[in-house]
């Protein structure tokens, strides 16, 4: 795959499908919020795929909410990630999962390394940009 992020105003379904057929799987429509741009950039960085909500609707919704990355998280890493970005501390996650604090911390660090994230706040921002955290509450 190429690492192209396509920012477009195109609303022609044929052209959008042609882009995906040519291997361009990071498409952000200009009518989407700027928040859609960061996940597309993350997808490009990780050789993943991201189609913004408006572009997905043009494709008949088959990509709605689709974010596909080549980053493989273990089931436990994914669980720790989701609990952490939901606001739980490493200690709270350890209690909930019946694991040691060190084990949970190791999983969290592994996730951050896989995502190329260095700070906890960036991990939370990633969760927001991916739509896993609703900031409108």
C-alpha atoms as a PDB file:
ATOM      1  CA  UNK A   1       0.000   0.000   0.000  1.00  0.00           C
ATOM      2  CA  UNK A   2       1.011   3.566  -0.513  1.00  0.00           C
ATOM      3  CA  UNK A   3       1.063   6.019   2.356  1.00  0.00           C
ATOM      4  CA  UNK A   4      -1.200   8.540   0.624  1.00  0.00           C
ATOM      5  CA  UNK A   5      -3.940  10.344   2.544  1.00  0.00           C
ATOM      6  CA  UNK A   6      -6.501  11.722   0.111  1.00  0.00           C
ATOM      7  CA  UNK A   7      -8.345  14.849   1.250  1.00  0.00           C
ATOM      8  CA  UNK A   8     -11.113  15.445  -1.261  1.00  0.00           C
ATOM      9  CA  UNK A   9     -14.383  17.164  -2.119  1.00  0.00           C
ATOM     10  CA  UNK A  10     -15.189  14.500  -4.728  1.00  0.00           C
ATOM     11  CA  UNK A  11     -18.684  13.075  -4.340  1.00  0.00           C
ATOM     12  CA  UNK A  12     -18.631  10.819  -7.376  1.00  0.00           C
ATOM     13  CA  UNK A  13     -19.031   7.239  -6.124  1.00  0.00           C
ATOM     14  CA  UNK A  14     -17.183   5.865  -9.150  1.00  0.00           C
ATOM     15  CA  UNK A  15     -14.123   8.003  -8.506  1.00  0.00           C
ATOM     16  CA  UNK A  16     -14.048   7.156  -4.786  1.00  0.00           C
ATOM     17  CA  UNK A  17     -14.331   3.426  -5.585  1.00  0.00           C
ATOM     18  CA  UNK A  18     -11.620   3.850  -8.216  1.00  0.00           C
ATOM     19  CA  UNK A  19      -9.329   5.302  -5.539  1.00  0.00           C
ATOM     20  CA  UNK A  20      -9.868   2.283  -3.287  1.00  0.00           C
ATOM     21  CA  UNK A  21      -9.406  -0.052  -6.261  1.00  0.00           C
ATOM     22  CA  UNK A  22      -6.031   1.604  -6.861  1.00  0.00           C
ATOM     23  CA  UNK A  23      -4.965   0.958  -3.261  1.00  0.00           C
ATOM     24  CA  UNK A  24      -5.743   4.349  -1.753  1.00  0.00           C
ATOM     25  CA  UNK A  25      -7.405   3.384   1.522  1.00  0.00           C
ATOM     26  CA  UNK A  26      -6.985   6.628   3.453  1.00  0.00           C
ATOM     27  CA  UNK A  27      -9.691   8.971   2.236  1.00  0.00           C
ATOM     28  CA  UNK A  28     -11.001  11.978   4.139  1.00  0.00           C
ATOM     29  CA  UNK A  29     -13.850  14.021   2.710  1.00  0.00           C
ATOM     30  CA  UNK A  30     -13.590  17.778   3.288  1.00  0.00           C
ATOM     31  CA  UNK A  31     -17.100  17.856   4.788  1.00  0.00           C
ATOM     32  CA  UNK A  32     -15.902  15.676   7.676  1.00  0.00           C
ATOM     33  CA  UNK A  33     -14.499  17.255  10.814  1.00  0.00           C
ATOM     34  CA  UNK A  34     -10.783  17.846  11.072  1.00  0.00           C
ATOM     35  CA  UNK A  35     -10.866  15.051  13.646  1.00  0.00           C
ATOM     36  CA  UNK A  36     -11.021  12.588  10.762  1.00  0.00           C
ATOM     37  CA  UNK A  37      -7.646  13.680   9.468  1.00  0.00           C
ATOM     38  CA  UNK A  38      -5.563  12.385  12.377  1.00  0.00           C
ATOM     39  CA  UNK A  39      -6.844   8.777  12.187  1.00  0.00           C
ATOM     40  CA  UNK A  40      -6.123   8.843   8.447  1.00  0.00           C
ATOM     41  CA  UNK A  41      -2.567   9.988   9.158  1.00  0.00           C
ATOM     42  CA  UNK A  42      -2.166   7.290  11.818  1.00  0.00           C
ATOM     43  CA  UNK A  43      -3.421   4.762   9.272  1.00  0.00           C
ATOM     44  CA  UNK A  44      -0.862   5.979   6.732  1.00  0.00           C
ATOM     45  CA  UNK A  45       1.885   5.766   9.334  1.00  0.00           C
ATOM     46  CA  UNK A  46       0.914   2.197  10.292  1.00  0.00           C
ATOM     47  CA  UNK A  47       0.120   1.073   6.735  1.00  0.00           C
ATOM     48  CA  UNK A  48      -3.534   0.769   7.739  1.00  0.00           C
ATOM     49  CA  UNK A  49      -6.794   1.920   6.238  1.00  0.00           C
ATOM     50  CA  UNK A  50      -9.207   4.730   7.114  1.00  0.00           C
ATOM     51  CA  UNK A  51     -12.229   6.000   5.247  1.00  0.00           C
ATOM     52  CA  UNK A  52     -13.943   9.023   6.834  1.00  0.00           C
ATOM     53  CA  UNK A  53     -17.693   8.905   7.584  1.00  0.00           C
ATOM     54  CA  UNK A  54     -18.739  11.080   4.602  1.00  0.00           C
ATOM     55  CA  UNK A  55     -16.556   9.153   2.147  1.00  0.00           C
ATOM     56  CA  UNK A  56     -17.888   5.919   3.627  1.00  0.00           C
ATOM     57  CA  UNK A  57     -21.474   7.013   3.016  1.00  0.00           C
ATOM     58  CA  UNK A  58     -20.567   7.613  -0.621  1.00  0.00           C
ATOM     59  CA  UNK A  59     -19.394   4.001  -0.735  1.00  0.00           C
ATOM     60  CA  UNK A  60     -22.775   2.821   0.504  1.00  0.00           C
ATOM     61  CA  UNK A  61     -21.745   2.652   4.148  1.00  0.00           C
ATOM     62  CA  UNK A  62     -19.646  -0.452   3.597  1.00  0.00           C
ATOM     63  CA  UNK A  63     -16.721   1.372   5.218  1.00  0.00           C
ATOM     64  CA  UNK A  64     -18.775   3.139   7.885  1.00  0.00           C
ATOM     65  CA  UNK A  65     -16.627   3.553  10.939  1.00  0.00           C
ATOM     66  CA  UNK A  66     -13.946   1.404   9.360  1.00  0.00           C
ATOM     67  CA  UNK A  67     -10.467   1.769  10.620  1.00  0.00           C
ATOM     68  CA  UNK A  68      -8.196  -1.052   9.670  1.00  0.00           C
ATOM     69  CA  UNK A  69      -4.585  -1.019  10.694  1.00  0.00           C
ATOM     70  CA  UNK A  70      -1.800  -3.481  10.301  1.00  0.00           C
ATOM     71  CA  UNK A  71      -1.069  -3.101  14.003  1.00  0.00           C
ATOM     72  CA  UNK A  72      -1.948  -6.323  15.730  1.00  0.00           C
ATOM     73  CA  UNK A  73      -2.842  -5.927  19.384  1.00  0.00           C
ATOM     74  CA  UNK A  74      -3.333  -8.982  21.546  1.00  0.00           C
ATOM     75  CA  UNK A  75      -6.738  -9.378  23.137  1.00  0.00           C
ATOM     76  CA  UNK A  76      -5.288  -8.356  26.513  1.00  0.00           C
ATOM     77  CA  UNK A  77      -3.469  -5.331  25.037  1.00  0.00           C
ATOM     78  CA  UNK A  78      -6.699  -4.178  23.420  1.00  0.00           C
ATOM     79  CA  UNK A  79      -8.571  -4.654  26.697  1.00  0.00           C
ATOM     80  CA  UNK A  80      -5.954  -2.662  28.637  1.00  0.00           C
ATOM     81  CA  UNK A  81      -6.014   0.076  25.985  1.00  0.00           C
ATOM     82  CA  UNK A  82      -9.795   0.448  26.082  1.00  0.00           C
ATOM     83  CA  UNK A  83      -9.906   0.447  29.891  1.00  0.00           C
ATOM     84  CA  UNK A  84      -7.078   2.981  30.092  1.00  0.00           C
ATOM     85  CA  UNK A  85      -8.613   5.411  27.626  1.00  0.00           C
ATOM     86  CA  UNK A  86     -11.945   5.038  29.429  1.00  0.00           C
ATOM     87  CA  UNK A  87     -10.274   6.730  32.404  1.00  0.00           C
ATOM     88  CA  UNK A  88      -9.064   3.851  34.565  1.00  0.00           C
ATOM     89  CA  UNK A  89      -5.596   3.924  36.109  1.00  0.00           C
ATOM     90  CA  UNK A  90      -3.116   1.088  35.662  1.00  0.00           C
ATOM     91  CA  UNK A  91      -3.790   0.054  39.285  1.00  0.00           C
ATOM     92  CA  UNK A  92      -7.558  -0.028  38.717  1.00  0.00           C
ATOM     93  CA  UNK A  93      -7.121  -2.045  35.526  1.00  0.00           C
ATOM     94  CA  UNK A  94      -4.850  -4.507  37.370  1.00  0.00           C
ATOM     95  CA  UNK A  95      -7.530  -5.055  40.036  1.00  0.00           C
ATOM     96  CA  UNK A  96     -10.282  -5.443  37.469  1.00  0.00           C
ATOM     97  CA  UNK A  97      -8.338  -7.953  35.354  1.00  0.00           C
ATOM     98  CA  UNK A  98      -6.784  -9.778  38.330  1.00  0.00           C
ATOM     99  CA  UNK A  99      -3.290  -9.043  37.036  1.00  0.00           C
ATOM    100  CA  UNK A 100      -0.283  -7.360  38.592  1.00  0.00           C
ATOM    101  CA  UNK A 101       0.295  -3.665  38.080  1.00  0.00           C
ATOM    102  CA  UNK A 102       3.569  -4.529  36.345  1.00  0.00           C
ATOM    103  CA  UNK A 103       1.796  -6.850  33.872  1.00  0.00           C
ATOM    104  CA  UNK A 104      -0.820  -4.224  33.011  1.00  0.00           C
ATOM    105  CA  UNK A 105       1.861  -1.577  32.665  1.00  0.00           C
ATOM    106  CA  UNK A 106       3.797  -3.880  30.322  1.00  0.00           C
ATOM    107  CA  UNK A 107       0.681  -4.307  28.145  1.00  0.00           C
ATOM    108  CA  UNK A 108       0.095  -0.548  28.080  1.00  0.00           C
ATOM    109  CA  UNK A 109       3.710   0.150  27.094  1.00  0.00           C
ATOM    110  CA  UNK A 110       3.502  -2.513  24.363  1.00  0.00           C
ATOM    111  CA  UNK A 111       0.381  -0.829  22.939  1.00  0.00           C
ATOM    112  CA  UNK A 112       2.034   2.573  23.010  1.00  0.00           C
ATOM    113  CA  UNK A 113       5.135   1.206  21.261  1.00  0.00           C
ATOM    114  CA  UNK A 114       3.037  -0.480  18.575  1.00  0.00           C
ATOM    115  CA  UNK A 115       1.110   2.756  17.961  1.00  0.00           C
ATOM    116  CA  UNK A 116       4.220   4.925  18.068  1.00  0.00           C
ATOM    117  CA  UNK A 117       2.835   6.898  21.006  1.00  0.00           C
ATOM    118  CA  UNK A 118       5.088   8.208  23.772  1.00  0.00           C
ATOM    119  CA  UNK A 119       2.780   9.933  26.271  1.00  0.00           C
ATOM    120  CA  UNK A 120      -0.396   8.853  28.070  1.00  0.00           C
ATOM    121  CA  UNK A 121      -2.225  11.949  26.849  1.00  0.00           C
ATOM    122  CA  UNK A 122      -1.423  11.006  23.250  1.00  0.00           C
ATOM    123  CA  UNK A 123      -2.908   7.577  23.878  1.00  0.00           C
ATOM    124  CA  UNK A 124      -6.112   9.259  25.060  1.00  0.00           C
ATOM    125  CA  UNK A 125      -6.053  11.598  22.044  1.00  0.00           C
ATOM    126  CA  UNK A 126      -5.680   8.534  19.829  1.00  0.00           C
ATOM    127  CA  UNK A 127      -8.774   7.034  21.472  1.00  0.00           C
ATOM    128  CA  UNK A 128     -10.710  10.247  20.830  1.00  0.00           C
ATOM    129  CA  UNK A 129      -9.589  10.468  17.208  1.00  0.00           C
ATOM    130  CA  UNK A 130     -10.475   6.821  16.621  1.00  0.00           C
ATOM    131  CA  UNK A 131     -13.965   7.478  18.000  1.00  0.00           C
ATOM    132  CA  UNK A 132     -13.564   5.214  21.013  1.00  0.00           C
ATOM    133  CA  UNK A 133     -14.096   8.119  23.420  1.00  0.00           C
ATOM    134  CA  UNK A 134     -17.115  10.364  23.039  1.00  0.00           C
ATOM    135  CA  UNK A 135     -16.010  13.853  24.049  1.00  0.00           C
ATOM    136  CA  UNK A 136     -19.473  15.339  23.502  1.00  0.00           C
ATOM    137  CA  UNK A 137     -20.789  14.002  26.828  1.00  0.00           C
END
